[in-house]
Amino acid sequence: MKFQSILLLLVVITALFSCKAPTDVVYFQDTKDLEQIKSDNSFTRVFKVDDIISILVSATNMEAARPFNLMQGSSLNIMSEASDTTPSNGSGSTAEPTYLIDEQGNIDFPVLGKLKVAGMTRVEVKEMLQEKLKIYIKDPIVNVRLKNFKITIIGEINRPGSYTIPNERVTIIEALGLAGDMTITGKRTNVMVIRENDGVNTYHRVDLTSKNIFDSPVYFLAQNDVLYVEPNNAQQKRSRTNSNTLGIVLSVVGVILTSLNLIIR
């Protein structure tokens, strides 16, 4: 009878140590069922030094646009025979000339020379180029895209690493989804976003258990943002002691059970 009581105690202890408080792992805890929240949060992305952008110029008369679509390698400046308005790289896919924004915030654009684009949005760069190209091309069409939009996700993450974003918009929730979400030991109430701007790092901390995350200035991530998820308090304690409390308890109880079993016999 005593042996059964101790066995029951072992099961209870195991259950207590295995359970994780829901308040530690549940997202958006303060939302209500069918609650509607209108957020005015928005993020206007601007180009930065070391960004790589593609600029494709087209027009009804594609010959007039050809000088503005120069790229490294002569084969990359060949017009597609199947299209009169779109440059091709010779393999059937659309060619997109790319430009690295230098330390002064400039790109070296064909014919027009150096253009200041750092600190400008995609729409602003597009409108500036269209205005300048009107001298050379009738009704120019300009397509501008950021090519090296990358974020890094580290810490208590199932798939940590750097991720290239195919479009120019990603939220902190979507980023965590790309990385397979946090581990169960990730601290959801104190997630850090490190954002670099003009050589200065700014550290933002957000609470993913609250609906206020949707109004955070870092809800929309910027290129080269670093997302860091720190371990929760329990995980930090386990790391400092380099031992598992549950393992110790089970070992002690195991010794007690073995001793009692020998005494009973």
C-alpha atoms as a PDB file:
ATOM      1  CA  MET A   1       0.000   0.000   0.000  1.00  0.00           C
ATOM      2  CA  LYS A   2       2.847   2.336   0.871  1.00  0.00           C
ATOM      3  CA  PHE A   3       4.530   1.482  -2.402  1.00  0.00           C
ATOM      4  CA  GLN A   4       1.391   2.415  -4.368  1.00  0.00           C
ATOM      5  CA  SER A   5       1.109   5.737  -2.511  1.00  0.00           C
ATOM      6  CA  ILE A   6       4.672   6.665  -3.343  1.00  0.00           C
ATOM      7  CA  LEU A   7       4.117   5.677  -6.974  1.00  0.00           C
ATOM      8  CA  LEU A   8       1.084   7.969  -7.084  1.00  0.00           C
ATOM      9  CA  LEU A   9       3.191  10.776  -5.621  1.00  0.00           C
ATOM     10  CA  LEU A  10       5.752  10.232  -8.366  1.00  0.00           C
ATOM     11  CA  VAL A  11       3.091  10.595 -11.048  1.00  0.00           C
ATOM     12  CA  VAL A  12       1.796  13.827  -9.481  1.00  0.00           C
ATOM     13  CA  ILE A  13       5.288  15.341  -9.257  1.00  0.00           C
ATOM     14  CA  THR A  14       5.993  14.447 -12.887  1.00  0.00           C
ATOM     15  CA  ALA A  15       2.738  16.096 -14.002  1.00  0.00           C
ATOM     16  CA  LEU A  16       3.477  19.270 -12.053  1.00  0.00           C
ATOM     17  CA  PHE A  17       6.913  19.700 -13.545  1.00  0.00           C
ATOM     18  CA  SER A  18       5.787  18.821 -17.058  1.00  0.00           C
ATOM     19  CA  CYS A  19       2.962  21.349 -17.255  1.00  0.00           C
ATOM     20  CA  LYS A  20       3.633  24.765 -18.740  1.00  0.00           C
ATOM     21  CA  ALA A  21       1.498  27.684 -17.648  1.00  0.00           C
ATOM     22  CA  PRO A  22      -0.746  28.746 -20.578  1.00  0.00           C
ATOM     23  CA  THR A  23      -0.027  32.410 -19.845  1.00  0.00           C
ATOM     24  CA  ASP A  24       3.597  31.812 -20.840  1.00  0.00           C
ATOM     25  CA  VAL A  25       2.949  30.477 -24.328  1.00  0.00           C
ATOM     26  CA  VAL A  26      -0.409  31.805 -25.606  1.00  0.00           C
ATOM     27  CA  TYR A  27      -0.354  34.703 -28.085  1.00  0.00           C
ATOM     28  CA  PHE A  28      -2.766  37.681 -27.980  1.00  0.00           C
ATOM     29  CA  GLN A  29      -4.252  36.697 -24.622  1.00  0.00           C
ATOM     30  CA  ASP A  30      -6.188  39.915 -24.061  1.00  0.00           C
ATOM     31  CA  THR A  31      -8.308  39.617 -27.188  1.00  0.00           C
ATOM     32  CA  LYS A  32     -11.990  38.774 -26.931  1.00  0.00           C
ATOM     33  CA  ASP A  33     -14.064  36.486 -29.110  1.00  0.00           C
ATOM     34  CA  LEU A  34     -15.118  38.253 -32.332  1.00  0.00           C
ATOM     35  CA  GLU A  35     -13.366  41.426 -31.194  1.00  0.00           C
ATOM     36  CA  GLN A  36     -12.579  43.805 -34.026  1.00  0.00           C
ATOM     37  CA  ILE A  37      -9.551  46.045 -33.767  1.00  0.00           C
ATOM     38  CA  LYS A  38      -8.793  48.749 -36.286  1.00  0.00           C
ATOM     39  CA  SER A  39      -5.100  49.529 -36.361  1.00  0.00           C
ATOM     40  CA  ASP A  40      -3.634  52.617 -37.968  1.00  0.00           C
ATOM     41  CA  ASN A  41      -0.196  51.053 -37.847  1.00  0.00           C
ATOM     42  CA  SER A  42       1.695  51.358 -41.111  1.00  0.00           C
ATOM     43  CA  PHE A  43       5.281  51.234 -42.207  1.00  0.00           C
ATOM     44  CA  THR A  44       6.761  53.156 -45.109  1.00  0.00           C
ATOM     45  CA  ARG A  45       9.883  51.392 -46.269  1.00  0.00           C
ATOM     46  CA  VAL A  46      12.790  53.533 -47.432  1.00  0.00           C
ATOM     47  CA  PHE A  47      15.942  52.494 -49.225  1.00  0.00           C
ATOM     48  CA  LYS A  48      19.187  52.358 -47.235  1.00  0.00           C
ATOM     49  CA  VAL A  49      22.905  52.197 -47.903  1.00  0.00           C
ATOM     50  CA  ASP A  50      23.939  48.725 -49.192  1.00  0.00           C
ATOM     51  CA  ASP A  51      20.436  47.956 -50.450  1.00  0.00           C
ATOM     52  CA  ILE A  52      20.292  46.330 -53.863  1.00  0.00           C
ATOM     53  CA  ILE A  53      17.442  47.583 -56.014  1.00  0.00           C
ATOM     54  CA  SER A  54      16.305  46.648 -59.495  1.00  0.00           C
ATOM     55  CA  ILE A  55      15.116  49.306 -61.905  1.00  0.00           C
ATOM     56  CA  LEU A  56      13.440  48.324 -65.144  1.00  0.00           C
ATOM     57  CA  VAL A  57      12.592  51.018 -67.681  1.00  0.00           C
ATOM     58  CA  SER A  58      10.130  50.298 -70.468  1.00  0.00           C
ATOM     59  CA  ALA A  59       8.112  52.262 -73.004  1.00  0.00           C
ATOM     60  CA  THR A  60       6.120  51.892 -76.200  1.00  0.00           C
ATOM     61  CA  ASN A  61       9.348  52.489 -78.104  1.00  0.00           C
ATOM     62  CA  MET A  62      11.626  50.025 -76.355  1.00  0.00           C
ATOM     63  CA  GLU A  63      14.627  51.106 -78.411  1.00  0.00           C
ATOM     64  CA  ALA A  64      14.465  54.478 -76.683  1.00  0.00           C
ATOM     65  CA  ALA A  65      14.462  52.723 -73.293  1.00  0.00           C
ATOM     66  CA  ARG A  66      17.361  50.390 -74.110  1.00  0.00           C
ATOM     67  CA  PRO A  67      20.165  52.713 -72.881  1.00  0.00           C
ATOM     68  CA  PHE A  68      18.532  52.858 -69.441  1.00  0.00           C
ATOM     69  CA  ASN A  69      18.520  49.082 -68.975  1.00  0.00           C
ATOM     70  CA  LEU A  70      22.245  48.416 -69.211  1.00  0.00           C
ATOM     71  CA  MET A  71      23.582  45.555 -67.099  1.00  0.00           C
ATOM     72  CA  GLN A  72      26.883  43.831 -66.548  1.00  0.00           C
ATOM     73  CA  GLY A  73      27.539  41.376 -69.362  1.00  0.00           C
ATOM     74  CA  SER A  74      26.520  42.108 -72.920  1.00  0.00           C
ATOM     75  CA  SER A  75      24.177  39.112 -73.100  1.00  0.00           C
ATOM     76  CA  LEU A  76      22.008  40.619 -70.380  1.00  0.00           C
ATOM     77  CA  ASN A  77      21.097  43.626 -72.501  1.00  0.00           C
ATOM     78  CA  ILE A  78      19.423  41.714 -75.317  1.00  0.00           C
ATOM     79  CA  MET A  79      15.821  42.544 -76.141  1.00  0.00           C
ATOM     80  CA  SER A  80      13.414  39.641 -76.269  1.00  0.00           C
ATOM     81  CA  GLU A  81      12.221  38.865 -79.777  1.00  0.00           C
ATOM     82  CA  ALA A  82       8.919  37.769 -78.308  1.00  0.00           C
ATOM     83  CA  SER A  83       8.252  41.122 -76.682  1.00  0.00           C
ATOM     84  CA  ASP A  84       8.662  44.688 -77.855  1.00  0.00           C
ATOM     85  CA  THR A  85       8.396  46.222 -74.413  1.00  0.00           C
ATOM     86  CA  THR A  86      10.316  43.990 -72.018  1.00  0.00           C
ATOM     87  CA  PRO A  87      14.070  43.349 -71.895  1.00  0.00           C
ATOM     88  CA  SER A  88      15.180  39.737 -71.609  1.00  0.00           C
ATOM     89  CA  ASN A  89      18.327  38.028 -70.377  1.00  0.00           C
ATOM     90  CA  GLY A  90      18.368  35.758 -73.409  1.00  0.00           C
ATOM     91  CA  SER A  91      16.923  32.754 -71.554  1.00  0.00           C
ATOM     92  CA  GLY A  92      13.306  33.826 -71.826  1.00  0.00           C
ATOM     93  CA  SER A  93      13.049  35.442 -68.394  1.00  0.00           C
ATOM     94  CA  THR A  94      12.752  39.150 -67.779  1.00  0.00           C
ATOM     95  CA  ALA A  95      16.041  40.914 -67.113  1.00  0.00           C
ATOM     96  CA  GLU A  96      16.198  43.358 -64.239  1.00  0.00           C
ATOM     97  CA  PRO A  97      19.219  45.671 -63.980  1.00  0.00           C
ATOM     98  CA  THR A  98      20.306  45.912 -60.342  1.00  0.00           C
ATOM     99  CA  TYR A  99      22.057  48.744 -58.502  1.00  0.00           C
ATOM    100  CA  LEU A 100      23.888  48.814 -55.179  1.00  0.00           C
ATOM    101  CA  ILE A 101      23.274  51.920 -53.082  1.00  0.00           C
ATOM    102  CA  ASP A 102      26.729  53.217 -52.126  1.00  0.00           C
ATOM    103  CA  GLU A 103      27.873  54.740 -48.836  1.00  0.00           C
ATOM    104  CA  GLN A 104      26.751  58.180 -49.990  1.00  0.00           C
ATOM    105  CA  GLY A 105      23.258  56.858 -50.722  1.00  0.00           C
ATOM    106  CA  ASN A 106      23.673  57.034 -54.514  1.00  0.00           C
ATOM    107  CA  ILE A 107      23.265  54.675 -57.431  1.00  0.00           C
ATOM    108  CA  ASP A 108      25.052  55.076 -60.750  1.00  0.00           C
ATOM    109  CA  PHE A 109      22.245  55.022 -63.298  1.00  0.00           C
ATOM    110  CA  PRO A 110      22.854  54.807 -67.065  1.00  0.00           C
ATOM    111  CA  VAL A 111      22.801  58.169 -68.865  1.00  0.00           C
ATOM    112  CA  LEU A 112      21.463  60.043 -65.817  1.00  0.00           C
ATOM    113  CA  GLY A 113      24.592  59.430 -63.712  1.00  0.00           C
ATOM    114  CA  LYS A 114      24.595  59.407 -59.911  1.00  0.00           C
ATOM    115  CA  LEU A 115      21.179  59.600 -58.273  1.00  0.00           C
ATOM    116  CA  LYS A 116      20.474  59.991 -54.564  1.00  0.00           C
ATOM    117  CA  VAL A 117      17.968  57.312 -53.544  1.00  0.00           C
ATOM    118  CA  ALA A 118      18.786  56.474 -49.907  1.00  0.00           C
ATOM    119  CA  GLY A 119      16.001  57.675 -47.626  1.00  0.00           C
ATOM    120  CA  MET A 120      13.450  57.560 -50.456  1.00  0.00           C
ATOM    121  CA  THR A 121      10.533  55.162 -50.811  1.00  0.00           C
ATOM    122  CA  ARG A 122      10.016  52.933 -53.831  1.00  0.00           C
ATOM    123  CA  VAL A 123       7.246  55.208 -55.120  1.00  0.00           C
ATOM    124  CA  GLU A 124       9.411  58.321 -54.701  1.00  0.00           C
ATOM    125  CA  VAL A 125      12.276  56.763 -56.665  1.00  0.00           C
ATOM    126  CA  LYS A 126       9.864  55.655 -59.378  1.00  0.00           C
ATOM    127  CA  GLU A 127       8.354  59.125 -59.731  1.00  0.00           C
ATOM    128  CA  MET A 128      11.775  60.808 -59.736  1.00  0.00           C
ATOM    129  CA  LEU A 129      13.010  58.550 -62.544  1.00  0.00           C
ATOM    130  CA  GLN A 130       9.869  58.992 -64.600  1.00  0.00           C
ATOM    131  CA  GLU A 131      10.265  62.749 -64.389  1.00  0.00           C
ATOM    132  CA  LYS A 132      13.932  62.654 -65.412  1.00  0.00           C
ATOM    133  CA  LEU A 133      13.323  60.144 -68.228  1.00  0.00           C
ATOM    134  CA  LYS A 134      10.610  62.245 -69.881  1.00  0.00           C
ATOM    135  CA  ILE A 135      13.383  64.193 -71.578  1.00  0.00           C
ATOM    136  CA  TYR A 136      14.512  61.029 -73.377  1.00  0.00           C
ATOM    137  CA  ILE A 137      11.443  58.762 -73.531  1.00  0.00           C
ATOM    138  CA  LYS A 138       7.793  59.388 -74.229  1.00  0.00           C
ATOM    139  CA  ASP A 139       5.594  58.043 -71.399  1.00  0.00           C
ATOM    140  CA  PRO A 140       8.309  56.057 -69.595  1.00  0.00           C
ATOM    141  CA  ILE A 141       7.291  53.158 -67.354  1.00  0.00           C
ATOM    142  CA  VAL A 142       9.555  52.494 -64.381  1.00  0.00           C
ATOM    143  CA  ASN A 143       9.460  49.447 -62.119  1.00  0.00           C
ATOM    144  CA  VAL A 144      11.528  49.622 -58.894  1.00  0.00           C
ATOM    145  CA  ARG A 145      12.007  46.751 -56.454  1.00  0.00           C
ATOM    146  CA  LEU A 146      14.153  45.950 -53.439  1.00  0.00           C
ATOM    147  CA  LYS A 147      16.129  42.771 -54.163  1.00  0.00           C
ATOM    148  CA  ASN A 148      17.951  41.993 -50.909  1.00  0.00           C
ATOM    149  CA  PHE A 149      15.191  42.250 -48.294  1.00  0.00           C
ATOM    150  CA  LYS A 150      16.544  39.942 -45.604  1.00  0.00           C
ATOM    151  CA  ILE A 151      15.718  39.417 -41.927  1.00  0.00           C
ATOM    152  CA  THR A 152      17.494  37.314 -39.308  1.00  0.00           C
ATOM    153  CA  ILE A 153      15.682  35.326 -36.613  1.00  0.00           C
ATOM    154  CA  ILE A 154      17.680  33.843 -33.729  1.00  0.00           C
ATOM    155  CA  GLY A 155      17.270  32.521 -30.201  1.00  0.00           C
ATOM    156  CA  GLU A 156      14.524  30.176 -29.017  1.00  0.00           C
ATOM    157  CA  ILE A 157      13.295  29.469 -32.556  1.00  0.00           C
ATOM    158  CA  ASN A 158      12.571  26.143 -34.224  1.00  0.00           C
ATOM    159  CA  ARG A 159      14.358  27.143 -37.454  1.00  0.00           C
ATOM    160  CA  PRO A 160      16.718  30.065 -36.696  1.00  0.00           C
ATOM    161  CA  GLY A 161      18.528  31.723 -39.565  1.00  0.00           C
ATOM    162  CA  SER A 162      18.414  34.467 -42.172  1.00  0.00           C
ATOM    163  CA  TYR A 163      15.394  34.658 -44.472  1.00  0.00           C
ATOM    164  CA  THR A 164      15.065  36.455 -47.798  1.00  0.00           C
ATOM    165  CA  ILE A 165      11.648  38.061 -48.224  1.00  0.00           C
ATOM    166  CA  PRO A 166      10.320  37.899 -51.808  1.00  0.00           C
ATOM    167  CA  ASN A 167       8.048  40.919 -51.389  1.00  0.00           C
ATOM    168  CA  GLU A 168       8.591  44.179 -49.519  1.00  0.00           C
ATOM    169  CA  ARG A 169       6.225  43.608 -46.621  1.00  0.00           C
ATOM    170  CA  VAL A 170       6.497  41.174 -43.725  1.00  0.00           C
ATOM    171  CA  THR A 171       5.163  41.344 -40.167  1.00  0.00           C
ATOM    172  CA  ILE A 172       6.779  40.001 -37.019  1.00  0.00           C
ATOM    173  CA  ILE A 173       4.072  37.312 -36.881  1.00  0.00           C
ATOM    174  CA  GLU A 174       4.748  36.231 -40.466  1.00  0.00           C
ATOM    175  CA  ALA A 175       8.484  36.145 -39.768  1.00  0.00           C
ATOM    176  CA  LEU A 176       7.979  33.797 -36.822  1.00  0.00           C
ATOM    177  CA  GLY A 177       5.821  31.632 -39.057  1.00  0.00           C
ATOM    178  CA  LEU A 178       8.627  31.390 -41.610  1.00  0.00           C
ATOM    179  CA  ALA A 179      10.984  30.222 -38.864  1.00  0.00           C
ATOM    180  CA  GLY A 180       8.624  27.564 -37.535  1.00  0.00           C
ATOM    181  CA  ASP A 181       7.482  29.627 -34.515  1.00  0.00           C
ATOM    182  CA  MET A 182       9.199  29.894 -31.143  1.00  0.00           C
ATOM    183  CA  THR A 183      10.143  26.889 -29.092  1.00  0.00           C
ATOM    184  CA  ILE A 184       8.045  26.186 -26.018  1.00  0.00           C
ATOM    185  CA  THR A 185      10.797  27.801 -23.917  1.00  0.00           C
ATOM    186  CA  GLY A 186      10.817  31.074 -25.858  1.00  0.00           C
ATOM    187  CA  LYS A 187       9.900  34.170 -23.851  1.00  0.00           C
ATOM    188  CA  ARG A 188       6.905  35.583 -25.685  1.00  0.00           C
ATOM    189  CA  THR A 189       6.538  38.610 -23.430  1.00  0.00           C
ATOM    190  CA  ASN A 190       9.921  40.124 -24.253  1.00  0.00           C
ATOM    191  CA  VAL A 191      10.845  39.613 -27.898  1.00  0.00           C
ATOM    192  CA  MET A 192      13.586  41.917 -29.176  1.00  0.00           C
ATOM    193  CA  VAL A 193      13.767  43.532 -32.614  1.00  0.00           C
ATOM    194  CA  ILE A 194      17.105  45.140 -33.492  1.00  0.00           C
ATOM    195  CA  ARG A 195      16.835  47.731 -36.249  1.00  0.00           C
ATOM    196  CA  GLU A 196      19.810  49.478 -37.841  1.00  0.00           C
ATOM    197  CA  ASN A 197      19.443  52.900 -39.381  1.00  0.00           C
ATOM    198  CA  ASP A 198      22.350  55.037 -40.555  1.00  0.00           C
ATOM    199  CA  GLY A 199      24.792  52.975 -38.525  1.00  0.00           C
ATOM    200  CA  VAL A 200      22.767  53.247 -35.304  1.00  0.00           C
ATOM    201  CA  ASN A 201      21.106  50.181 -33.755  1.00  0.00           C
ATOM    202  CA  THR A 202      17.762  50.659 -32.023  1.00  0.00           C
ATOM    203  CA  TYR A 203      16.454  47.953 -29.697  1.00  0.00           C
ATOM    204  CA  HIS A 204      12.699  47.430 -29.478  1.00  0.00           C
ATOM    205  CA  ARG A 205      10.998  44.982 -27.116  1.00  0.00           C
ATOM    206  CA  VAL A 206       7.502  43.678 -27.788  1.00  0.00           C
ATOM    207  CA  ASP A 207       5.017  41.463 -25.959  1.00  0.00           C
ATOM    208  CA  LEU A 208       3.456  38.868 -28.258  1.00  0.00           C
ATOM    209  CA  THR A 209       0.970  37.798 -25.605  1.00  0.00           C
ATOM    210  CA  SER A 210      -0.779  41.170 -25.972  1.00  0.00           C
ATOM    211  CA  LYS A 211      -2.869  42.505 -28.831  1.00  0.00           C
ATOM    212  CA  ASN A 212      -0.887  45.749 -28.571  1.00  0.00           C
ATOM    213  CA  ILE A 213       1.725  44.111 -30.794  1.00  0.00           C
ATOM    214  CA  PHE A 214      -0.360  45.194 -33.799  1.00  0.00           C
ATOM    215  CA  ASP A 215       0.349  48.849 -32.943  1.00  0.00           C
ATOM    216  CA  SER A 216       4.073  48.373 -32.375  1.00  0.00           C
ATOM    217  CA  PRO A 217       6.471  50.385 -34.571  1.00  0.00           C
ATOM    218  CA  VAL A 218       8.271  47.119 -35.351  1.00  0.00           C
ATOM    219  CA  TYR A 219       5.173  45.066 -36.197  1.00  0.00           C
ATOM    220  CA  PHE A 220       6.235  45.526 -39.819  1.00  0.00           C
ATOM    221  CA  LEU A 221       9.855  44.450 -40.144  1.00  0.00           C
ATOM    222  CA  ALA A 222      12.414  46.393 -42.154  1.00  0.00           C
ATOM    223  CA  GLN A 223      15.258  45.024 -44.252  1.00  0.00           C
ATOM    224  CA  ASN A 224      18.130  43.636 -42.160  1.00  0.00           C
ATOM    225  CA  ASP A 225      16.077  43.572 -38.946  1.00  0.00           C
ATOM    226  CA  VAL A 226      17.207  41.036 -36.361  1.00  0.00           C
ATOM    227  CA  LEU A 227      14.521  39.245 -34.345  1.00  0.00           C
ATOM    228  CA  TYR A 228      15.767  37.708 -31.095  1.00  0.00           C
ATOM    229  CA  VAL A 229      13.719  35.450 -28.823  1.00  0.00           C
ATOM    230  CA  GLU A 230      15.293  34.969 -25.422  1.00  0.00           C
ATOM    231  CA  PRO A 231      14.727  31.869 -23.277  1.00  0.00           C
ATOM    232  CA  ASN A 232      12.131  32.125 -20.541  1.00  0.00           C
ATOM    233  CA  ASN A 233      13.078  32.247 -16.868  1.00  0.00           C
ATOM    234  CA  ALA A 234      12.770  28.508 -16.355  1.00  0.00           C
ATOM    235  CA  GLN A 235      15.049  27.786 -19.297  1.00  0.00           C
ATOM    236  CA  GLN A 236      17.607  30.321 -18.092  1.00  0.00           C
ATOM    237  CA  LYS A 237      17.693  28.715 -14.657  1.00  0.00           C
ATOM    238  CA  ARG A 238      18.215  25.293 -16.180  1.00  0.00           C
ATOM    239  CA  SER A 239      21.072  26.663 -18.274  1.00  0.00           C
ATOM    240  CA  ARG A 240      22.773  28.286 -15.275  1.00  0.00           C
ATOM    241  CA  THR A 241      22.605  25.172 -13.128  1.00  0.00           C
ATOM    242  CA  ASN A 242      23.308  22.888 -16.082  1.00  0.00           C
ATOM    243  CA  SER A 243      20.809  20.418 -14.693  1.00  0.00           C
ATOM    244  CA  ASN A 244      17.204  19.495 -15.057  1.00  0.00           C
ATOM    245  CA  THR A 245      15.105  19.884 -11.913  1.00  0.00           C
ATOM    246  CA  LEU A 246      12.679  17.233 -13.037  1.00  0.00           C
ATOM    247  CA  GLY A 247      15.533  14.795 -13.588  1.00  0.00           C
ATOM    248  CA  ILE A 248      16.859  15.406 -10.086  1.00  0.00           C
ATOM    249  CA  VAL A 249      13.443  14.884  -8.506  1.00  0.00           C
ATOM    250  CA  LEU A 250      12.850  11.686 -10.425  1.00  0.00           C
ATOM    251  CA  SER A 251      16.300  10.390  -9.498  1.00  0.00           C
ATOM    252  CA  VAL A 252      15.690  11.046  -5.777  1.00  0.00           C
ATOM    253  CA  VAL A 253      12.252   9.459  -5.892  1.00  0.00           C
ATOM    254  CA  GLY A 254      13.700   6.506  -7.778  1.00  0.00           C
ATOM    255  CA  VAL A 255      16.283   5.966  -5.047  1.00  0.00           C
ATOM    256  CA  ILE A 256      13.563   6.154  -2.384  1.00  0.00           C
ATOM    257  CA  LEU A 257      11.392   3.645  -4.236  1.00  0.00           C
ATOM    258  CA  THR A 258      14.287   1.241  -4.654  1.00  0.00           C
ATOM    259  CA  SER A 259      15.166   1.498  -0.968  1.00  0.00           C
ATOM    260  CA  LEU A 260      11.570   0.946   0.132  1.00  0.00           C
ATOM    261  CA  ASN A 261      11.232  -1.989  -2.211  1.00  0.00           C
ATOM    262  CA  LEU A 262      14.286  -3.613  -0.618  1.00  0.00           C
ATOM    263  CA  ILE A 263      12.950  -2.938   2.903  1.00  0.00           C
ATOM    264  CA  ILE A 264       9.529  -4.372   2.067  1.00  0.00           C
ATOM    265  CA  ARG A 265      11.121  -7.527   0.733  1.00  0.00           C
END
